[in-house]
Amino acid sequence: NIELEDISAPSASVIARAIKARYLGKFDCLYCATGVTHYVCLALQKLKLSEDIVCIGYENPKANAQYIENGRIRLLSVSNAFEMGRCAARTALDALLLQKKPENETIYIPSTIFENK
């Protein structure tokens, strides 16, 4: 796992430098939990690393499309932003208008797993 917390503005170049300095040749898969999986894929491309190295990511912006097509992105966990917003609005309205709180303080909205075979 490449730590991006210390990178203020992640870019493919910055990620490529981190991969080269810390991890080159020591992995066959990268997991990106920050939603910038396409930057990680571009970094691997810039480093001319094996196409056998796959990425697992979170969210699916349009920039992922070419990496899904070429097989670099193998798996994505994609949240349902519409359902999260609907649930938040419903919970807020119930609390304000009906003085009704949810049974649990934590509400789970499932993500969809996209597997690129």
PDB file of N, CA and C in Angstrom:
ATOM      1  N   ASN A   1       0.848  -1.183   0.000  1.00  0.00           N
ATOM      2  CA  ASN A   1       0.000   0.000   0.000  1.00  0.00           C
ATOM      3  C   ASN A   1       0.890   1.243   0.000  1.00  0.00           C
ATOM      4  N   ILE A   2       0.732   2.076  -0.983  1.00  0.00           N
ATOM      5  CA  ILE A   2       1.495   3.313  -1.051  1.00  0.00           C
ATOM      6  C   ILE A   2       0.743   4.361  -0.243  1.00  0.00           C
ATOM      7  N   GLU A   3       1.422   4.940   0.726  1.00  0.00           N
ATOM      8  CA  GLU A   3       0.796   5.925   1.594  1.00  0.00           C
ATOM      9  C   GLU A   3       0.724   7.266   0.884  1.00  0.00           C
ATOM     10  N   LEU A   4      -0.491   7.774   0.697  1.00  0.00           N
ATOM     11  CA  LEU A   4      -0.671   9.058   0.033  1.00  0.00           C
ATOM     12  C   LEU A   4      -0.987  10.181   1.009  1.00  0.00           C
ATOM     13  N   GLU A   5      -1.080   9.858   2.297  1.00  0.00           N
ATOM     14  CA  GLU A   5      -1.454  10.874   3.273  1.00  0.00           C
ATOM     15  C   GLU A   5      -0.471  12.036   3.305  1.00  0.00           C
ATOM     16  N   ASP A   6       0.805  11.741   3.061  1.00  0.00           N
ATOM     17  CA  ASP A   6       1.812  12.785   3.122  1.00  0.00           C
ATOM     18  C   ASP A   6       1.963  13.539   1.801  1.00  0.00           C
ATOM     19  N   ILE A   7       1.152  13.199   0.807  1.00  0.00           N
ATOM     20  CA  ILE A   7       1.184  13.884  -0.481  1.00  0.00           C
ATOM     21  C   ILE A   7       0.012  14.852  -0.525  1.00  0.00           C
ATOM     22  N   SER A   8       0.316  16.158  -0.558  1.00  0.00           N
ATOM     23  CA  SER A   8      -0.748  17.157  -0.470  1.00  0.00           C
ATOM     24  C   SER A   8      -1.598  17.206  -1.738  1.00  0.00           C
ATOM     25  N   ALA A   9      -1.001  17.034  -2.896  1.00  0.00           N
ATOM     26  CA  ALA A   9      -1.736  17.043  -4.157  1.00  0.00           C
ATOM     27  C   ALA A   9      -1.267  15.856  -4.983  1.00  0.00           C
ATOM     28  N   PRO A  10      -1.926  14.698  -4.825  1.00  0.00           N
ATOM     29  CA  PRO A  10      -1.448  13.512  -5.531  1.00  0.00           C
ATOM     30  C   PRO A  10      -1.517  13.685  -7.043  1.00  0.00           C
ATOM     31  N   SER A  11      -0.487  13.264  -7.701  1.00  0.00           N
ATOM     32  CA  SER A  11      -0.440  13.245  -9.159  1.00  0.00           C
ATOM     33  C   SER A  11       0.297  11.983  -9.563  1.00  0.00           C
ATOM     34  N   ALA A  12       0.196  11.632 -10.830  1.00  0.00           N
ATOM     35  CA  ALA A  12       0.873  10.430 -11.301  1.00  0.00           C
ATOM     36  C   ALA A  12       2.377  10.538 -11.104  1.00  0.00           C
ATOM     37  N   SER A  13       2.946  11.709 -11.326  1.00  0.00           N
ATOM     38  CA  SER A  13       4.390  11.885 -11.174  1.00  0.00           C
ATOM     39  C   SER A  13       4.834  11.693  -9.730  1.00  0.00           C
ATOM     40  N   VAL A  14       4.088  12.267  -8.798  1.00  0.00           N
ATOM     41  CA  VAL A  14       4.425  12.132  -7.377  1.00  0.00           C
ATOM     42  C   VAL A  14       4.291  10.681  -6.943  1.00  0.00           C
ATOM     43  N   ILE A  15       3.230  10.028  -7.381  1.00  0.00           N
ATOM     44  CA  ILE A  15       3.017   8.626  -7.027  1.00  0.00           C
ATOM     45  C   ILE A  15       4.103   7.752  -7.656  1.00  0.00           C
ATOM     46  N   ALA A  16       4.487   8.058  -8.895  1.00  0.00           N
ATOM     47  CA  ALA A  16       5.551   7.297  -9.561  1.00  0.00           C
ATOM     48  C   ALA A  16       6.863   7.402  -8.791  1.00  0.00           C
ATOM     49  N   ARG A  17       7.194   8.610  -8.312  1.00  0.00           N
ATOM     50  CA  ARG A  17       8.421   8.771  -7.530  1.00  0.00           C
ATOM     51  C   ARG A  17       8.358   7.946  -6.247  1.00  0.00           C
ATOM     52  N   ALA A  18       7.196   7.935  -5.592  1.00  0.00           N
ATOM     53  CA  ALA A  18       7.044   7.155  -4.353  1.00  0.00           C
ATOM     54  C   ALA A  18       7.180   5.663  -4.637  1.00  0.00           C
ATOM     55  N   ILE A  19       6.576   5.200  -5.718  1.00  0.00           N
ATOM     56  CA  ILE A  19       6.679   3.781  -6.081  1.00  0.00           C
ATOM     57  C   ILE A  19       8.127   3.415  -6.367  1.00  0.00           C
ATOM     58  N   LYS A  20       8.797   4.246  -7.151  1.00  0.00           N
ATOM     59  CA  LYS A  20      10.188   3.955  -7.522  1.00  0.00           C
ATOM     60  C   LYS A  20      11.104   3.939  -6.304  1.00  0.00           C
ATOM     61  N   ALA A  21      10.904   4.903  -5.415  1.00  0.00           N
ATOM     62  CA  ALA A  21      11.771   5.012  -4.237  1.00  0.00           C
ATOM     63  C   ALA A  21      11.537   3.897  -3.221  1.00  0.00           C
ATOM     64  N   ARG A  22      10.297   3.466  -3.063  1.00  0.00           N
ATOM     65  CA  ARG A  22       9.984   2.551  -1.963  1.00  0.00           C
ATOM     66  C   ARG A  22       9.631   1.133  -2.370  1.00  0.00           C
ATOM     67  N   TYR A  23       9.070   0.939  -3.559  1.00  0.00           N
ATOM     68  CA  TYR A  23       8.430  -0.347  -3.829  1.00  0.00           C
ATOM     69  C   TYR A  23       8.835  -1.024  -5.125  1.00  0.00           C
ATOM     70  N   LEU A  24       9.662  -0.418  -5.938  1.00  0.00           N
ATOM     71  CA  LEU A  24       9.939  -0.936  -7.268  1.00  0.00           C
ATOM     72  C   LEU A  24      10.356  -2.404  -7.248  1.00  0.00           C
ATOM     73  N   GLY A  25       9.615  -3.192  -8.018  1.00  0.00           N
ATOM     74  CA  GLY A  25       9.942  -4.597  -8.156  1.00  0.00           C
ATOM     75  C   GLY A  25       9.494  -5.485  -7.017  1.00  0.00           C
ATOM     76  N   LYS A  26       8.741  -4.954  -6.064  1.00  0.00           N
ATOM     77  CA  LYS A  26       8.389  -5.734  -4.876  1.00  0.00           C
ATOM     78  C   LYS A  26       6.888  -5.995  -4.753  1.00  0.00           C
ATOM     79  N   PHE A  27       6.146  -5.915  -5.847  1.00  0.00           N
ATOM     80  CA  PHE A  27       4.704  -6.079  -5.746  1.00  0.00           C
ATOM     81  C   PHE A  27       4.133  -6.549  -7.079  1.00  0.00           C
ATOM     82  N   ASP A  28       2.921  -7.102  -7.018  1.00  0.00           N
ATOM     83  CA  ASP A  28       2.218  -7.477  -8.237  1.00  0.00           C
ATOM     84  C   ASP A  28       0.813  -6.884  -8.288  1.00  0.00           C
ATOM     85  N   CYS A  29       0.459  -6.136  -7.236  1.00  0.00           N
ATOM     86  CA  CYS A  29      -0.863  -5.532  -7.141  1.00  0.00           C
ATOM     87  C   CYS A  29      -0.777  -4.282  -6.268  1.00  0.00           C
ATOM     88  N   LEU A  30      -1.509  -3.253  -6.646  1.00  0.00           N
ATOM     89  CA  LEU A  30      -1.583  -2.036  -5.835  1.00  0.00           C
ATOM     90  C   LEU A  30      -3.030  -1.757  -5.480  1.00  0.00           C
ATOM     91  N   TYR A  31      -3.267  -1.402  -4.220  1.00  0.00           N
ATOM     92  CA  TYR A  31      -4.596  -1.010  -3.764  1.00  0.00           C
ATOM     93  C   TYR A  31      -4.585   0.488  -3.496  1.00  0.00           C
ATOM     94  N   CYS A  32      -5.537   1.177  -4.070  1.00  0.00           N
ATOM     95  CA  CYS A  32      -5.646   2.626  -3.902  1.00  0.00           C
ATOM     96  C   CYS A  32      -6.995   2.940  -3.268  1.00  0.00           C
ATOM     97  N   ALA A  33      -6.978   3.362  -2.014  1.00  0.00           N
ATOM     98  CA  ALA A  33      -8.219   3.621  -1.270  1.00  0.00           C
ATOM     99  C   ALA A  33      -8.676   5.065  -1.368  1.00  0.00           C
ATOM    100  N   THR A  34      -7.986   5.888  -2.134  1.00  0.00           N
ATOM    101  CA  THR A  34      -8.282   7.321  -2.141  1.00  0.00           C
ATOM    102  C   THR A  34      -9.144   7.780  -3.299  1.00  0.00           C
ATOM    103  N   GLY A  35      -9.500   6.907  -4.225  1.00  0.00           N
ATOM    104  CA  GLY A  35     -10.323   7.320  -5.352  1.00  0.00           C
ATOM    105  C   GLY A  35      -9.524   7.884  -6.515  1.00  0.00           C
ATOM    106  N   VAL A  36      -8.205   7.810  -6.460  1.00  0.00           N
ATOM    107  CA  VAL A  36      -7.365   8.296  -7.569  1.00  0.00           C
ATOM    108  C   VAL A  36      -6.628   7.119  -8.218  1.00  0.00           C
ATOM    109  N   THR A  37      -7.328   6.025  -8.398  1.00  0.00           N
ATOM    110  CA  THR A  37      -6.731   4.824  -8.967  1.00  0.00           C
ATOM    111  C   THR A  37      -6.131   5.110 -10.341  1.00  0.00           C
ATOM    112  N   HIS A  38      -6.764   5.991 -11.108  1.00  0.00           N
ATOM    113  CA  HIS A  38      -6.246   6.319 -12.436  1.00  0.00           C
ATOM    114  C   HIS A  38      -4.860   6.966 -12.353  1.00  0.00           C
ATOM    115  N   TYR A  39      -4.571   7.725 -11.299  1.00  0.00           N
ATOM    116  CA  TYR A  39      -3.223   8.282 -11.117  1.00  0.00           C
ATOM    117  C   TYR A  39      -2.208   7.173 -10.856  1.00  0.00           C
ATOM    118  N   VAL A  40      -2.610   6.192 -10.067  1.00  0.00           N
ATOM    119  CA  VAL A  40      -1.725   5.064  -9.779  1.00  0.00           C
ATOM    120  C   VAL A  40      -1.441   4.288 -11.067  1.00  0.00           C
ATOM    121  N   CYS A  41      -2.463   4.063 -11.870  1.00  0.00           N
ATOM    122  CA  CYS A  41      -2.275   3.356 -13.145  1.00  0.00           C
ATOM    123  C   CYS A  41      -1.337   4.128 -14.061  1.00  0.00           C
ATOM    124  N   LEU A  42      -1.517   5.440 -14.142  1.00  0.00           N
ATOM    125  CA  LEU A  42      -0.642   6.265 -14.976  1.00  0.00           C
ATOM    126  C   LEU A  42       0.793   6.245 -14.440  1.00  0.00           C
ATOM    127  N   ALA A  43       0.945   6.238 -13.128  1.00  0.00           N
ATOM    128  CA  ALA A  43       2.282   6.158 -12.529  1.00  0.00           C
ATOM    129  C   ALA A  43       2.969   4.856 -12.935  1.00  0.00           C
ATOM    130  N   LEU A  44       2.244   3.748 -12.897  1.00  0.00           N
ATOM    131  CA  LEU A  44       2.812   2.463 -13.311  1.00  0.00           C
ATOM    132  C   LEU A  44       3.209   2.495 -14.784  1.00  0.00           C
ATOM    133  N   GLN A  45       2.382   3.151 -15.581  1.00  0.00           N
ATOM    134  CA  GLN A  45       2.673   3.300 -17.010  1.00  0.00           C
ATOM    135  C   GLN A  45       3.931   4.148 -17.209  1.00  0.00           C
ATOM    136  N   LYS A  46       4.054   5.254 -16.480  1.00  0.00           N
ATOM    137  CA  LYS A  46       5.233   6.119 -16.583  1.00  0.00           C
ATOM    138  C   LYS A  46       6.504   5.373 -16.217  1.00  0.00           C
ATOM    139  N   LEU A  47       6.397   4.481 -15.235  1.00  0.00           N
ATOM    140  CA  LEU A  47       7.554   3.703 -14.793  1.00  0.00           C
ATOM    141  C   LEU A  47       7.834   2.501 -15.695  1.00  0.00           C
ATOM    142  N   LYS A  48       6.958   2.297 -16.689  1.00  0.00           N
ATOM    143  CA  LYS A  48       7.089   1.174 -17.619  1.00  0.00           C
ATOM    144  C   LYS A  48       7.140  -0.161 -16.876  1.00  0.00           C
ATOM    145  N   LEU A  49       6.321  -0.253 -15.844  1.00  0.00           N
ATOM    146  CA  LEU A  49       6.259  -1.502 -15.081  1.00  0.00           C
ATOM    147  C   LEU A  49       5.361  -2.499 -15.804  1.00  0.00           C
ATOM    148  N   SER A  50       5.543  -3.737 -15.506  1.00  0.00           N
ATOM    149  CA  SER A  50       4.825  -4.831 -16.141  1.00  0.00           C
ATOM    150  C   SER A  50       3.325  -4.593 -16.163  1.00  0.00           C
ATOM    151  N   GLU A  51       2.719  -4.943 -17.284  1.00  0.00           N
ATOM    152  CA  GLU A  51       1.264  -4.833 -17.383  1.00  0.00           C
ATOM    153  C   GLU A  51       0.568  -5.884 -16.534  1.00  0.00           C
ATOM    154  N   ASP A  52       1.346  -6.817 -15.973  1.00  0.00           N
ATOM    155  CA  ASP A  52       0.776  -7.829 -15.094  1.00  0.00           C
ATOM    156  C   ASP A  52       0.437  -7.269 -13.715  1.00  0.00           C
ATOM    157  N   ILE A  53       0.987  -6.092 -13.373  1.00  0.00           N
ATOM    158  CA  ILE A  53       0.663  -5.458 -12.093  1.00  0.00           C
ATOM    159  C   ILE A  53      -0.731  -4.868 -12.224  1.00  0.00           C
ATOM    160  N   VAL A  54      -1.618  -5.282 -11.333  1.00  0.00           N
ATOM    161  CA  VAL A  54      -3.000  -4.817 -11.401  1.00  0.00           C
ATOM    162  C   VAL A  54      -3.298  -3.856 -10.258  1.00  0.00           C
ATOM    163  N   CYS A  55      -4.360  -3.093 -10.439  1.00  0.00           N
ATOM    164  CA  CYS A  55      -4.787  -2.135  -9.419  1.00  0.00           C
ATOM    165  C   CYS A  55      -6.175  -2.498  -8.923  1.00  0.00           C
ATOM    166  N   ILE A  56      -6.341  -2.299  -7.641  1.00  0.00           N
ATOM    167  CA  ILE A  56      -7.634  -2.440  -6.986  1.00  0.00           C
ATOM    168  C   ILE A  56      -7.920  -1.065  -6.398  1.00  0.00           C
ATOM    169  N   GLY A  57      -9.106  -0.546  -6.641  1.00  0.00           N
ATOM    170  CA  GLY A  57      -9.360   0.824  -6.224  1.00  0.00           C
ATOM    171  C   GLY A  57     -10.716   1.054  -5.615  1.00  0.00           C
ATOM    172  N   TYR A  58     -10.921   2.299  -5.290  1.00  0.00           N
ATOM    173  CA  TYR A  58     -12.151   2.750  -4.663  1.00  0.00           C
ATOM    174  C   TYR A  58     -12.720   3.872  -5.519  1.00  0.00           C
ATOM    175  N   GLU A  59     -13.977   3.800  -5.815  1.00  0.00           N
ATOM    176  CA  GLU A  59     -14.713   4.738  -6.658  1.00  0.00           C
ATOM    177  C   GLU A  59     -14.358   4.525  -8.130  1.00  0.00           C
ATOM    178  N   ASN A  60     -15.133   5.152  -9.001  1.00  0.00           N
ATOM    179  CA  ASN A  60     -14.943   4.929 -10.433  1.00  0.00           C
ATOM    180  C   ASN A  60     -15.182   6.196 -11.245  1.00  0.00           C
ATOM    181  N   PRO A  61     -14.247   7.158 -11.172  1.00  0.00           N
ATOM    182  CA  PRO A  61     -14.399   8.340 -12.022  1.00  0.00           C
ATOM    183  C   PRO A  61     -14.171   7.969 -13.492  1.00  0.00           C
ATOM    184  N   LYS A  62     -14.607   8.846 -14.401  1.00  0.00           N
ATOM    185  CA  LYS A  62     -14.472   8.581 -15.833  1.00  0.00           C
ATOM    186  C   LYS A  62     -13.024   8.325 -16.240  1.00  0.00           C
ATOM    187  N   ALA A  63     -12.074   8.899 -15.517  1.00  0.00           N
ATOM    188  CA  ALA A  63     -10.658   8.731 -15.854  1.00  0.00           C
ATOM    189  C   ALA A  63     -10.204   7.280 -15.721  1.00  0.00           C
ATOM    190  N   ASN A  64     -10.976   6.441 -15.060  1.00  0.00           N
ATOM    191  CA  ASN A  64     -10.619   5.021 -14.922  1.00  0.00           C
ATOM    192  C   ASN A  64     -10.873   4.223 -16.198  1.00  0.00           C
ATOM    193  N   ALA A  65     -11.705   4.739 -17.100  1.00  0.00           N
ATOM    194  CA  ALA A  65     -12.197   3.961 -18.243  1.00  0.00           C
ATOM    195  C   ALA A  65     -11.088   3.275 -19.040  1.00  0.00           C
ATOM    196  N   GLN A  66     -10.042   3.999 -19.415  1.00  0.00           N
ATOM    197  CA  GLN A  66      -8.998   3.380 -20.245  1.00  0.00           C
ATOM    198  C   GLN A  66      -8.252   2.288 -19.500  1.00  0.00           C
ATOM    199  N   TYR A  67      -8.143   2.416 -18.173  1.00  0.00           N
ATOM    200  CA  TYR A  67      -7.422   1.409 -17.390  1.00  0.00           C
ATOM    201  C   TYR A  67      -8.293   0.190 -17.107  1.00  0.00           C
ATOM    202  N   ILE A  68      -9.598   0.377 -17.136  1.00  0.00           N
ATOM    203  CA  ILE A  68     -10.508  -0.765 -17.053  1.00  0.00           C
ATOM    204  C   ILE A  68     -10.444  -1.517 -18.383  1.00  0.00           C
ATOM    205  N   GLU A  69     -10.469  -0.756 -19.493  1.00  0.00           N
ATOM    206  CA  GLU A  69     -10.418  -1.377 -20.821  1.00  0.00           C
ATOM    207  C   GLU A  69      -9.144  -2.175 -21.042  1.00  0.00           C
ATOM    208  N   ASN A  70      -7.988  -1.649 -20.585  1.00  0.00           N
ATOM    209  CA  ASN A  70      -6.736  -2.372 -20.836  1.00  0.00           C
ATOM    210  C   ASN A  70      -6.418  -3.413 -19.753  1.00  0.00           C
ATOM    211  N   GLY A  71      -7.296  -3.547 -18.747  1.00  0.00           N
ATOM    212  CA  GLY A  71      -7.144  -4.588 -17.735  1.00  0.00           C
ATOM    213  C   GLY A  71      -6.276  -4.220 -16.545  1.00  0.00           C
ATOM    214  N   ARG A  72      -5.731  -3.018 -16.515  1.00  0.00           N
ATOM    215  CA  ARG A  72      -4.872  -2.605 -15.388  1.00  0.00           C
ATOM    216  C   ARG A  72      -5.697  -2.540 -14.098  1.00  0.00           C
ATOM    217  N   ILE A  73      -6.906  -1.971 -14.178  1.00  0.00           N
ATOM    218  CA  ILE A  73      -7.793  -1.954 -13.008  1.00  0.00           C
ATOM    219  C   ILE A  73      -8.573  -3.263 -13.014  1.00  0.00           C
ATOM    220  N   ARG A  74      -8.403  -4.030 -11.958  1.00  0.00           N
ATOM    221  CA  ARG A  74      -9.015  -5.346 -11.887  1.00  0.00           C
ATOM    222  C   ARG A  74     -10.267  -5.360 -11.012  1.00  0.00           C
ATOM    223  N   LEU A  75     -10.294  -4.504  -9.984  1.00  0.00           N
ATOM    224  CA  LEU A  75     -11.412  -4.538  -9.042  1.00  0.00           C
ATOM    225  C   LEU A  75     -11.632  -3.142  -8.478  1.00  0.00           C
ATOM    226  N   LEU A  76     -12.902  -2.756  -8.359  1.00  0.00           N
ATOM    227  CA  LEU A  76     -13.249  -1.464  -7.763  1.00  0.00           C
ATOM    228  C   LEU A  76     -14.392  -1.643  -6.769  1.00  0.00           C
ATOM    229  N   SER A  77     -14.323  -0.895  -5.697  1.00  0.00           N
ATOM    230  CA  SER A  77     -15.439  -0.778  -4.767  1.00  0.00           C
ATOM    231  C   SER A  77     -16.059   0.593  -5.029  1.00  0.00           C
ATOM    232  N   VAL A  78     -17.304   0.607  -5.450  1.00  0.00           N
ATOM    233  CA  VAL A  78     -17.947   1.853  -5.868  1.00  0.00           C
ATOM    234  C   VAL A  78     -19.122   2.148  -4.945  1.00  0.00           C
ATOM    235  N   SER A  79     -19.050   3.296  -4.279  1.00  0.00           N
ATOM    236  CA  SER A  79     -20.136   3.663  -3.372  1.00  0.00           C
ATOM    237  C   SER A  79     -21.320   4.209  -4.157  1.00  0.00           C
ATOM    238  N   ASN A  80     -22.474   4.194  -3.529  1.00  0.00           N
ATOM    239  CA  ASN A  80     -23.700   4.666  -4.144  1.00  0.00           C
ATOM    240  C   ASN A  80     -23.999   6.062  -3.593  1.00  0.00           C
ATOM    241  N   ALA A  81     -23.447   7.077  -4.238  1.00  0.00           N
ATOM    242  CA  ALA A  81     -23.576   8.456  -3.753  1.00  0.00           C
ATOM    243  C   ALA A  81     -25.036   8.906  -3.725  1.00  0.00           C
ATOM    244  N   PHE A  82     -25.826   8.489  -4.706  1.00  0.00           N
ATOM    245  CA  PHE A  82     -27.233   8.872  -4.724  1.00  0.00           C
ATOM    246  C   PHE A  82     -27.954   8.342  -3.490  1.00  0.00           C
ATOM    247  N   GLU A  83     -27.740   7.059  -3.185  1.00  0.00           N
ATOM    248  CA  GLU A  83     -28.405   6.455  -2.023  1.00  0.00           C
ATOM    249  C   GLU A  83     -27.913   7.071  -0.718  1.00  0.00           C
ATOM    250  N   MET A  84     -26.624   7.412  -0.651  1.00  0.00           N
ATOM    251  CA  MET A  84     -26.100   8.062   0.557  1.00  0.00           C
ATOM    252  C   MET A  84     -26.789   9.410   0.771  1.00  0.00           C
ATOM    253  N   GLY A  85     -26.940  10.180  -0.292  1.00  0.00           N
ATOM    254  CA  GLY A  85     -27.616  11.475  -0.189  1.00  0.00           C
ATOM    255  C   GLY A  85     -29.090  11.335   0.166  1.00  0.00           C
ATOM    256  N   ARG A  86     -29.767  10.387  -0.480  1.00  0.00           N
ATOM    257  CA  ARG A  86     -31.184  10.151  -0.201  1.00  0.00           C
ATOM    258  C   ARG A  86     -31.390   9.750   1.250  1.00  0.00           C
ATOM    259  N   CYS A  87     -30.549   8.853   1.738  1.00  0.00           N
ATOM    260  CA  CYS A  87     -30.658   8.376   3.115  1.00  0.00           C
ATOM    261  C   CYS A  87     -30.370   9.499   4.113  1.00  0.00           C
ATOM    262  N   ALA A  88     -29.360  10.320   3.819  1.00  0.00           N
ATOM    263  CA  ALA A  88     -29.039  11.451   4.703  1.00  0.00           C
ATOM    264  C   ALA A  88     -30.191  12.448   4.752  1.00  0.00           C
ATOM    265  N   ALA A  89     -30.776  12.760   3.589  1.00  0.00           N
ATOM    266  CA  ALA A  89     -31.898  13.706   3.539  1.00  0.00           C
ATOM    267  C   ALA A  89     -33.106  13.146   4.290  1.00  0.00           C
ATOM    268  N   ARG A  90     -33.398  11.858   4.080  1.00  0.00           N
ATOM    269  CA  ARG A  90     -34.536  11.225   4.760  1.00  0.00           C
ATOM    270  C   ARG A  90     -34.339  11.235   6.282  1.00  0.00           C
ATOM    271  N   THR A  91     -33.140  10.921   6.722  1.00  0.00           N
ATOM    272  CA  THR A  91     -32.828  10.899   8.148  1.00  0.00           C
ATOM    273  C   THR A  91     -32.951  12.296   8.745  1.00  0.00           C
ATOM    274  N   ALA A  92     -32.444  13.306   8.047  1.00  0.00           N
ATOM    275  CA  ALA A  92     -32.525  14.690   8.525  1.00  0.00           C
ATOM    276  C   ALA A  92     -33.972  15.165   8.579  1.00  0.00           C
ATOM    277  N   LEU A  93     -34.745  14.864   7.542  1.00  0.00           N
ATOM    278  CA  LEU A  93     -36.161  15.262   7.533  1.00  0.00           C
ATOM    279  C   LEU A  93     -36.941  14.569   8.646  1.00  0.00           C
ATOM    280  N   ASP A  94     -36.700  13.291   8.840  1.00  0.00           N
ATOM    281  CA  ASP A  94     -37.376  12.566   9.924  1.00  0.00           C
ATOM    282  C   ASP A  94     -37.040  13.188  11.275  1.00  0.00           C
ATOM    283  N   ALA A  95     -35.796  13.563  11.463  1.00  0.00           N
ATOM    284  CA  ALA A  95     -35.379  14.156  12.737  1.00  0.00           C
ATOM    285  C   ALA A  95     -36.015  15.532  12.930  1.00  0.00           C
ATOM    286  N   LEU A  96     -36.027  16.347  11.884  1.00  0.00           N
ATOM    287  CA  LEU A  96     -36.554  17.707  11.999  1.00  0.00           C
ATOM    288  C   LEU A  96     -38.074  17.759  12.067  1.00  0.00           C
ATOM    289  N   LEU A  97     -38.724  17.028  11.186  1.00  0.00           N
ATOM    290  CA  LEU A  97     -40.179  17.133  11.082  1.00  0.00           C
ATOM    291  C   LEU A  97     -40.940  16.187  11.994  1.00  0.00           C
ATOM    292  N   LEU A  98     -40.401  15.012  12.223  1.00  0.00           N
ATOM    293  CA  LEU A  98     -41.108  13.999  13.003  1.00  0.00           C
ATOM    294  C   LEU A  98     -40.490  13.747  14.366  1.00  0.00           C
ATOM    295  N   GLN A  99     -39.382  14.441  14.653  1.00  0.00           N
ATOM    296  CA  GLN A  99     -38.648  14.214  15.904  1.00  0.00           C
ATOM    297  C   GLN A  99     -38.289  12.740  16.059  1.00  0.00           C
ATOM    298  N   LYS A 100     -37.998  12.117  14.942  1.00  0.00           N
ATOM    299  CA  LYS A 100     -37.697  10.684  14.924  1.00  0.00           C
ATOM    300  C   LYS A 100     -36.222  10.480  14.598  1.00  0.00           C
ATOM    301  N   LYS A 101     -35.535   9.758  15.480  1.00  0.00           N
ATOM    302  CA  LYS A 101     -34.132   9.434  15.246  1.00  0.00           C
ATOM    303  C   LYS A 101     -34.039   8.011  14.708  1.00  0.00           C
ATOM    304  N   PRO A 102     -32.992   7.733  13.932  1.00  0.00           N
ATOM    305  CA  PRO A 102     -32.843   6.361  13.430  1.00  0.00           C
ATOM    306  C   PRO A 102     -32.568   5.393  14.580  1.00  0.00           C
ATOM    307  N   GLU A 103     -32.946   4.134  14.382  1.00  0.00           N
ATOM    308  CA  GLU A 103     -32.719   3.120  15.410  1.00  0.00           C
ATOM    309  C   GLU A 103     -31.236   2.966  15.723  1.00  0.00           C
ATOM    310  N   ASN A 104     -30.416   3.040  14.719  1.00  0.00           N
ATOM    311  CA  ASN A 104     -28.963   2.949  14.884  1.00  0.00           C
ATOM    312  C   ASN A 104     -28.350   4.289  14.516  1.00  0.00           C
ATOM    313  N   GLU A 105     -27.287   4.664  15.200  1.00  0.00           N
ATOM    314  CA  GLU A 105     -26.622   5.912  14.864  1.00  0.00           C
ATOM    315  C   GLU A 105     -25.766   5.773  13.616  1.00  0.00           C
ATOM    316  N   THR A 106     -25.470   4.550  13.250  1.00  0.00           N
ATOM    317  CA  THR A 106     -24.706   4.303  12.042  1.00  0.00           C
ATOM    318  C   THR A 106     -25.621   3.678  11.008  1.00  0.00           C
ATOM    319  N   ILE A 107     -25.629   4.262   9.826  1.00  0.00           N
ATOM    320  CA  ILE A 107     -26.447   3.739   8.741  1.00  0.00           C
ATOM    321  C   ILE A 107     -25.499   3.254   7.653  1.00  0.00           C
ATOM    322  N   TYR A 108     -25.685   2.038   7.204  1.00  0.00           N
ATOM    323  CA  TYR A 108     -24.816   1.450   6.198  1.00  0.00           C
ATOM    324  C   TYR A 108     -25.464   1.512   4.822  1.00  0.00           C
ATOM    325  N   ILE A 109     -24.703   2.008   3.885  1.00  0.00           N
ATOM    326  CA  ILE A 109     -25.130   2.022   2.489  1.00  0.00           C
ATOM    327  C   ILE A 109     -24.143   1.104   1.749  1.00  0.00           C
ATOM    328  N   PRO A 110     -24.610   0.027   1.194  1.00  0.00           N
ATOM    329  CA  PRO A 110     -23.677  -0.914   0.559  1.00  0.00           C
ATOM    330  C   PRO A 110     -23.020  -0.320  -0.688  1.00  0.00           C
ATOM    331  N   SER A 111     -21.803  -0.765  -0.926  1.00  0.00           N
ATOM    332  CA  SER A 111     -21.080  -0.415  -2.153  1.00  0.00           C
ATOM    333  C   SER A 111     -21.262  -1.546  -3.152  1.00  0.00           C
ATOM    334  N   THR A 112     -20.992  -1.242  -4.392  1.00  0.00           N
ATOM    335  CA  THR A 112     -21.021  -2.242  -5.446  1.00  0.00           C
ATOM    336  C   THR A 112     -19.586  -2.634  -5.758  1.00  0.00           C
ATOM    337  N   ILE A 113     -19.349  -3.910  -5.903  1.00  0.00           N
ATOM    338  CA  ILE A 113     -18.035  -4.392  -6.276  1.00  0.00           C
ATOM    339  C   ILE A 113     -18.049  -4.655  -7.787  1.00  0.00           C
ATOM    340  N   PHE A 114     -17.119  -3.988  -8.470  1.00  0.00           N
ATOM    341  CA  PHE A 114     -16.964  -4.161  -9.904  1.00  0.00           C
ATOM    342  C   PHE A 114     -15.707  -4.980 -10.143  1.00  0.00           C
ATOM    343  N   GLU A 115     -15.884  -6.147 -10.760  1.00  0.00           N
ATOM    344  CA  GLU A 115     -14.734  -6.996 -11.067  1.00  0.00           C
ATOM    345  C   GLU A 115     -14.511  -7.010 -12.564  1.00  0.00           C
ATOM    346  N   ASN A 116     -13.329  -6.642 -12.979  1.00  0.00           N
ATOM    347  CA  ASN A 116     -12.963  -6.590 -14.393  1.00  0.00           C
ATOM    348  C   ASN A 116     -12.243  -7.886 -14.736  1.00  0.00           C
ATOM    349  N   LYS A 117     -12.949  -8.803 -15.381  1.00  0.00           N
ATOM    350  CA  LYS A 117     -12.377 -10.131 -15.680  1.00  0.00           C
ATOM    351  C   LYS A 117     -11.713 -10.144 -17.034  1.00  0.00           C
TER     352      LYS A 117
END
